[in-house]
C-alpha atoms as a PDB file:
ATOM      1  CA  UNK A   1       2.990 -24.574 -12.310  1.00  0.00           C
ATOM      2  CA  UNK A   2       5.028 -22.286 -10.269  1.00  0.00           C
ATOM      3  CA  UNK A   3       3.450 -20.313  -7.498  1.00  0.00           C
ATOM      4  CA  UNK A   4       3.775 -16.845  -6.933  1.00  0.00           C
ATOM      5  CA  UNK A   5       2.596 -16.307  -3.537  1.00  0.00           C
ATOM      6  CA  UNK A   6       0.381 -13.670  -2.414  1.00  0.00           C
ATOM      7  CA  UNK A   7       1.733 -10.334  -4.754  1.00  0.00           C
ATOM      8  CA  UNK A   8       0.423  -7.164  -4.278  1.00  0.00           C
ATOM      9  CA  UNK A   9       1.569  -3.204  -6.518  1.00  0.00           C
ATOM     10  CA  UNK A  10       2.337  -0.280  -4.671  1.00  0.00           C
ATOM     11  CA  UNK A  11       4.250   2.607  -4.104  1.00  0.00           C
ATOM     12  CA  UNK A  12       6.988   2.307  -2.331  1.00  0.00           C
ATOM     13  CA  UNK A  13       8.151   5.085   0.475  1.00  0.00           C
ATOM     14  CA  UNK A  14      11.449   6.732   0.865  1.00  0.00           C
ATOM     15  CA  UNK A  15      13.764   6.363   3.738  1.00  0.00           C
ATOM     16  CA  UNK A  16      13.393   9.355   4.846  1.00  0.00           C
ATOM     17  CA  UNK A  17       9.910   9.887   4.882  1.00  0.00           C
ATOM     18  CA  UNK A  18       9.923   6.065   7.127  1.00  0.00           C
ATOM     19  CA  UNK A  19      12.433   7.918   9.203  1.00  0.00           C
ATOM     20  CA  UNK A  20       9.935  11.016   9.568  1.00  0.00           C
ATOM     21  CA  UNK A  21       6.863   9.081  10.400  1.00  0.00           C
ATOM     22  CA  UNK A  22       8.335   6.416  12.663  1.00  0.00           C
ATOM     23  CA  UNK A  23       9.818   9.743  14.650  1.00  0.00           C
ATOM     24  CA  UNK A  24       6.589  11.563  14.322  1.00  0.00           C
ATOM     25  CA  UNK A  25       5.141   8.464  15.559  1.00  0.00           C
ATOM     26  CA  UNK A  26       7.307   7.829  18.554  1.00  0.00           C
ATOM     27  CA  UNK A  27       5.161   9.582  21.073  1.00  0.00           C
ATOM     28  CA  UNK A  28       1.797   7.830  20.275  1.00  0.00           C
ATOM     29  CA  UNK A  29       0.502   4.807  21.713  1.00  0.00           C
ATOM     30  CA  UNK A  30      -0.494   2.332  18.822  1.00  0.00           C
ATOM     31  CA  UNK A  31      -2.515  -0.316  19.786  1.00  0.00           C
ATOM     32  CA  UNK A  32      -2.527  -3.613  18.391  1.00  0.00           C
ATOM     33  CA  UNK A  33       0.199  -4.878  15.698  1.00  0.00           C
ATOM     34  CA  UNK A  34       2.033  -2.202  14.556  1.00  0.00           C
ATOM     35  CA  UNK A  35       3.476  -2.545  10.457  1.00  0.00           C
ATOM     36  CA  UNK A  36       7.099  -2.197  10.899  1.00  0.00           C
ATOM     37  CA  UNK A  37       8.835   1.309   9.181  1.00  0.00           C
ATOM     38  CA  UNK A  38      10.542  -1.133   6.736  1.00  0.00           C
ATOM     39  CA  UNK A  39       7.523  -2.598   4.965  1.00  0.00           C
ATOM     40  CA  UNK A  40       5.382   0.615   5.014  1.00  0.00           C
ATOM     41  CA  UNK A  41       3.786   1.438   1.636  1.00  0.00           C
ATOM     42  CA  UNK A  42       0.737   2.089  -0.534  1.00  0.00           C
ATOM     43  CA  UNK A  43      -0.961  -0.880  -2.027  1.00  0.00           C
ATOM     44  CA  UNK A  44      -1.733   0.125  -5.492  1.00  0.00           C
ATOM     45  CA  UNK A  45      -4.251  -3.709  -5.667  1.00  0.00           C
ATOM     46  CA  UNK A  46      -3.742  -7.250  -4.115  1.00  0.00           C
ATOM     47  CA  UNK A  47      -3.156  -9.466  -6.879  1.00  0.00           C
ATOM     48  CA  UNK A  48      -3.101 -12.939  -4.102  1.00  0.00           C
ATOM     49  CA  UNK A  49      -1.300 -16.159  -4.904  1.00  0.00           C
ATOM     50  CA  UNK A  50       0.142 -15.869  -8.623  1.00  0.00           C
ATOM     51  CA  UNK A  51       1.115 -18.193 -10.893  1.00  0.00           C
ATOM     52  CA  UNK A  52       4.045 -17.637 -12.965  1.00  0.00           C
ATOM     53  CA  UNK A  53       2.460 -17.472 -16.236  1.00  0.00           C
ATOM     54  CA  UNK A  54      -0.246 -15.454 -14.805  1.00  0.00           C
ATOM     55  CA  UNK A  55       2.594 -13.503 -13.274  1.00  0.00           C
ATOM     56  CA  UNK A  56       4.281 -12.808 -16.208  1.00  0.00           C
ATOM     57  CA  UNK A  57       1.191 -12.061 -18.539  1.00  0.00           C
ATOM     58  CA  UNK A  58       0.139  -9.102 -15.906  1.00  0.00           C
ATOM     59  CA  UNK A  59       3.450  -7.766 -15.995  1.00  0.00           C
ATOM     60  CA  UNK A  60       2.727  -7.175 -19.817  1.00  0.00           C
ATOM     61  CA  UNK A  61      -0.543  -5.603 -19.308  1.00  0.00           C
ATOM     62  CA  UNK A  62       0.955  -3.495 -16.659  1.00  0.00           C
ATOM     63  CA  UNK A  63       3.276  -1.860 -18.359  1.00  0.00           C
ATOM     64  CA  UNK A  64       2.321   0.675 -19.243  1.00  0.00           C
ATOM     65  CA  UNK A  65       1.891   2.176 -15.942  1.00  0.00           C
ATOM     66  CA  UNK A  66       4.924   3.451 -17.374  1.00  0.00           C
ATOM     67  CA  UNK A  67       2.732   6.408 -19.207  1.00  0.00           C
ATOM     68  CA  UNK A  68       2.124   7.570 -15.780  1.00  0.00           C
ATOM     69  CA  UNK A  69       3.981  10.835 -14.794  1.00  0.00           C
ATOM     70  CA  UNK A  70       5.777  10.778 -11.946  1.00  0.00           C
ATOM     71  CA  UNK A  71       4.004  12.975  -9.140  1.00  0.00           C
ATOM     72  CA  UNK A  72       3.527  14.169  -5.108  1.00  0.00           C
ATOM     73  CA  UNK A  73       2.492  11.691  -2.305  1.00  0.00           C
ATOM     74  CA  UNK A  74       1.598  13.542   0.740  1.00  0.00           C
ATOM     75  CA  UNK A  75       0.278  11.906   4.281  1.00  0.00           C
ATOM     76  CA  UNK A  76      -1.773  13.399   6.131  1.00  0.00           C
ATOM     77  CA  UNK A  77      -3.557  12.344   9.054  1.00  0.00           C
ATOM     78  CA  UNK A  78      -4.492   9.242  10.748  1.00  0.00           C
ATOM     79  CA  UNK A  79      -7.644   7.365  10.797  1.00  0.00           C
ATOM     80  CA  UNK A  80      -9.081   3.326  11.417  1.00  0.00           C
ATOM     81  CA  UNK A  81     -10.843   1.168   9.243  1.00  0.00           C
ATOM     82  CA  UNK A  82     -14.183   0.776   9.867  1.00  0.00           C
ATOM     83  CA  UNK A  83     -14.550   3.575  12.105  1.00  0.00           C
ATOM     84  CA  UNK A  84     -12.700   5.007  14.823  1.00  0.00           C
ATOM     85  CA  UNK A  85     -14.239   4.446  17.716  1.00  0.00           C
ATOM     86  CA  UNK A  86     -14.348   0.556  16.803  1.00  0.00           C
ATOM     87  CA  UNK A  87     -10.809   0.234  14.810  1.00  0.00           C
ATOM     88  CA  UNK A  88      -9.307  -3.132  13.335  1.00  0.00           C
ATOM     89  CA  UNK A  89      -6.617  -1.651  11.424  1.00  0.00           C
ATOM     90  CA  UNK A  90      -5.513   1.812  12.177  1.00  0.00           C
ATOM     91  CA  UNK A  91      -3.641   3.807   8.892  1.00  0.00           C
ATOM     92  CA  UNK A  92      -2.520   7.129   7.117  1.00  0.00           C
ATOM     93  CA  UNK A  93      -4.333   8.898   4.889  1.00  0.00           C
ATOM     94  CA  UNK A  94      -3.237  10.682   1.950  1.00  0.00           C
ATOM     95  CA  UNK A  95      -3.773  14.430   1.313  1.00  0.00           C
ATOM     96  CA  UNK A  96      -1.802  14.449  -1.864  1.00  0.00           C
ATOM     97  CA  UNK A  97      -1.396  12.404  -5.479  1.00  0.00           C
ATOM     98  CA  UNK A  98      -5.114  10.362  -4.760  1.00  0.00           C
ATOM     99  CA  UNK A  99      -6.053  10.708  -8.354  1.00  0.00           C
ATOM    100  CA  UNK A 100      -2.798   9.605  -9.751  1.00  0.00           C
ATOM    101  CA  UNK A 101      -2.833   6.672  -7.599  1.00  0.00           C
ATOM    102  CA  UNK A 102      -6.383   5.494  -8.803  1.00  0.00           C
ATOM    103  CA  UNK A 103      -5.416   5.930 -12.374  1.00  0.00           C
ATOM    104  CA  UNK A 104      -2.310   3.549 -11.150  1.00  0.00           C
ATOM    105  CA  UNK A 105      -5.217   1.539  -9.456  1.00  0.00           C
ATOM    106  CA  UNK A 106      -7.515   1.133 -12.592  1.00  0.00           C
ATOM    107  CA  UNK A 107      -4.049   0.132 -14.695  1.00  0.00           C
ATOM    108  CA  UNK A 108      -3.424  -2.558 -12.043  1.00  0.00           C
ATOM    109  CA  UNK A 109      -6.719  -3.487 -11.841  1.00  0.00           C
ATOM    110  CA  UNK A 110      -7.760  -3.312 -15.858  1.00  0.00           C
ATOM    111  CA  UNK A 111      -4.711  -5.415 -16.009  1.00  0.00           C
ATOM    112  CA  UNK A 112      -5.162  -7.824 -13.403  1.00  0.00           C
ATOM    113  CA  UNK A 113      -9.087  -9.064 -14.947  1.00  0.00           C
ATOM    114  CA  UNK A 114      -7.667  -9.019 -18.902  1.00  0.00           C
ATOM    115  CA  UNK A 115      -5.186 -12.226 -16.882  1.00  0.00           C
ATOM    116  CA  UNK A 116      -7.691 -13.928 -15.172  1.00  0.00           C
ATOM    117  CA  UNK A 117      -7.617 -12.602 -11.723  1.00  0.00           C
ATOM    118  CA  UNK A 118     -10.885 -11.755  -9.802  1.00  0.00           C
ATOM    119  CA  UNK A 119     -12.330  -8.116  -9.195  1.00  0.00           C
ATOM    120  CA  UNK A 120     -11.498  -6.163  -5.917  1.00  0.00           C
ATOM    121  CA  UNK A 121     -14.113  -6.015  -4.366  1.00  0.00           C
ATOM    122  CA  UNK A 122     -14.006  -3.164  -2.596  1.00  0.00           C
ATOM    123  CA  UNK A 123     -13.637   0.529  -3.578  1.00  0.00           C
ATOM    124  CA  UNK A 124      -9.791   1.994  -3.837  1.00  0.00           C
ATOM    125  CA  UNK A 125      -9.165   4.418  -0.553  1.00  0.00           C
ATOM    126  CA  UNK A 126      -4.651   4.650  -0.489  1.00  0.00           C
ATOM    127  CA  UNK A 127      -3.492   4.990   2.396  1.00  0.00           C
ATOM    128  CA  UNK A 128      -0.723   3.438   4.717  1.00  0.00           C
ATOM    129  CA  UNK A 129      -1.438   0.671   7.500  1.00  0.00           C
ATOM    130  CA  UNK A 130       0.159   1.256  10.650  1.00  0.00           C
ATOM    131  CA  UNK A 131      -1.177  -1.434  12.988  1.00  0.00           C
ATOM    132  CA  UNK A 132      -3.596  -4.169  12.309  1.00  0.00           C
ATOM    133  CA  UNK A 133      -5.747  -4.306  15.855  1.00  0.00           C
ATOM    134  CA  UNK A 134      -7.789  -7.149  17.928  1.00  0.00           C
ATOM    135  CA  UNK A 135      -9.919  -7.061  19.178  1.00  0.00           C
ATOM    136  CA  UNK A 136     -10.711  -3.762  17.723  1.00  0.00           C
ATOM    137  CA  UNK A 137     -10.288  -0.946  20.194  1.00  0.00           C
ATOM    138  CA  UNK A 138     -11.245   2.777  20.443  1.00  0.00           C
ATOM    139  CA  UNK A 139      -9.052   4.888  18.453  1.00  0.00           C
ATOM    140  CA  UNK A 140     -11.076   7.861  18.013  1.00  0.00           C
ATOM    141  CA  UNK A 141      -8.014  10.408  20.259  1.00  0.00           C
ATOM    142  CA  UNK A 142      -5.256   8.797  17.757  1.00  0.00           C
ATOM    143  CA  UNK A 143      -7.115  10.175  15.074  1.00  0.00           C
ATOM    144  CA  UNK A 144      -7.072  13.936  15.610  1.00  0.00           C
ATOM    145  CA  UNK A 145      -3.177  13.660  15.207  1.00  0.00           C
ATOM    146  CA  UNK A 146      -2.071  15.311  11.748  1.00  0.00           C
ATOM    147  CA  UNK A 147       0.744  14.609   9.130  1.00  0.00           C
ATOM    148  CA  UNK A 148       2.416  17.027   7.325  1.00  0.00           C
ATOM    149  CA  UNK A 149       4.671  14.369   5.127  1.00  0.00           C
ATOM    150  CA  UNK A 150       5.696  14.036   1.531  1.00  0.00           C
ATOM    151  CA  UNK A 151       7.192  12.354  -0.991  1.00  0.00           C
ATOM    152  CA  UNK A 152       7.612  11.796  -5.762  1.00  0.00           C
ATOM    153  CA  UNK A 153       6.658   9.346  -6.255  1.00  0.00           C
ATOM    154  CA  UNK A 154       8.539   8.065  -8.941  1.00  0.00           C
ATOM    155  CA  UNK A 155       7.716   4.030  -9.439  1.00  0.00           C
ATOM    156  CA  UNK A 156       5.528   1.022  -8.588  1.00  0.00           C
ATOM    157  CA  UNK A 157       7.158  -1.933  -7.220  1.00  0.00           C
ATOM    158  CA  UNK A 158       5.123  -5.771  -7.519  1.00  0.00           C
ATOM    159  CA  UNK A 159       6.263  -7.045  -4.812  1.00  0.00           C
ATOM    160  CA  UNK A 160       5.889 -11.330  -2.883  1.00  0.00           C
ATOM    161  CA  UNK A 161       4.474 -10.810   1.028  1.00  0.00           C
ATOM    162  CA  UNK A 162       6.323 -13.648   2.721  1.00  0.00           C
ATOM    163  CA  UNK A 163       4.118 -14.715   5.400  1.00  0.00           C
ATOM    164  CA  UNK A 164       6.213 -15.770   8.387  1.00  0.00           C
ATOM    165  CA  UNK A 165       5.631 -16.643  12.430  1.00  0.00           C
ATOM    166  CA  UNK A 166       6.787 -12.726  12.537  1.00  0.00           C
ATOM    167  CA  UNK A 167       4.842 -10.871  10.367  1.00  0.00           C
ATOM    168  CA  UNK A 168       5.089 -10.481   6.681  1.00  0.00           C
ATOM    169  CA  UNK A 169       7.344  -9.645   4.567  1.00  0.00           C
ATOM    170  CA  UNK A 170       8.042  -8.038   1.538  1.00  0.00           C
ATOM    171  CA  UNK A 171      10.041  -8.869  -1.266  1.00  0.00           C
ATOM    172  CA  UNK A 172      10.450  -6.650  -4.512  1.00  0.00           C
ATOM    173  CA  UNK A 173      10.301  -8.430  -7.651  1.00  0.00           C
ATOM    174  CA  UNK A 174       9.191  -6.307 -10.188  1.00  0.00           C
ATOM    175  CA  UNK A 175      10.272  -1.751 -10.847  1.00  0.00           C
ATOM    176  CA  UNK A 176       8.078  -0.311 -13.033  1.00  0.00           C
ATOM    177  CA  UNK A 177       9.321   3.726 -13.505  1.00  0.00           C
ATOM    178  CA  UNK A 178       6.801   6.737 -13.697  1.00  0.00           C
ATOM    179  CA  UNK A 179       8.389   8.239 -16.863  1.00  0.00           C
ATOM    180  CA  UNK A 180       5.965  10.847 -18.734  1.00  0.00           C
END
């Protein structure tokens, strides 16, 4: 079977929000391997390596996401995993849209499990990844930074993650318009 490598479902970030966020972050010393603004998104469900048949079945199951109404996503501030004093991931938290993103995550999780993919082992925590930090660093000084950006989420996209020497690139495969 043909593999459709490393798939994930995400809410895209519009270009005007990318530009505004890039501007707001430009004065900050973001440590680690930065996520390029063109790759910014809010991951809703990582699917992993999926073959063509499973992918097509997932799309059919995930189609019910189109019953979700468009909603506002708001970016709030900077945070870190696993904790700011010893961060390995720097990310932007949300203050709007989390319930709706949670509903979409549940739809994606149900669709994933119904086609035989393993359940997600971590609780869903919507965020936008800014950088991956190795070795871990103290970023408590950045966690105090506040943001106030938002957009109307009108769609979710299934992406293919293509791993390359300079980092991953993301290819949109399927767009689902939110419409209710």
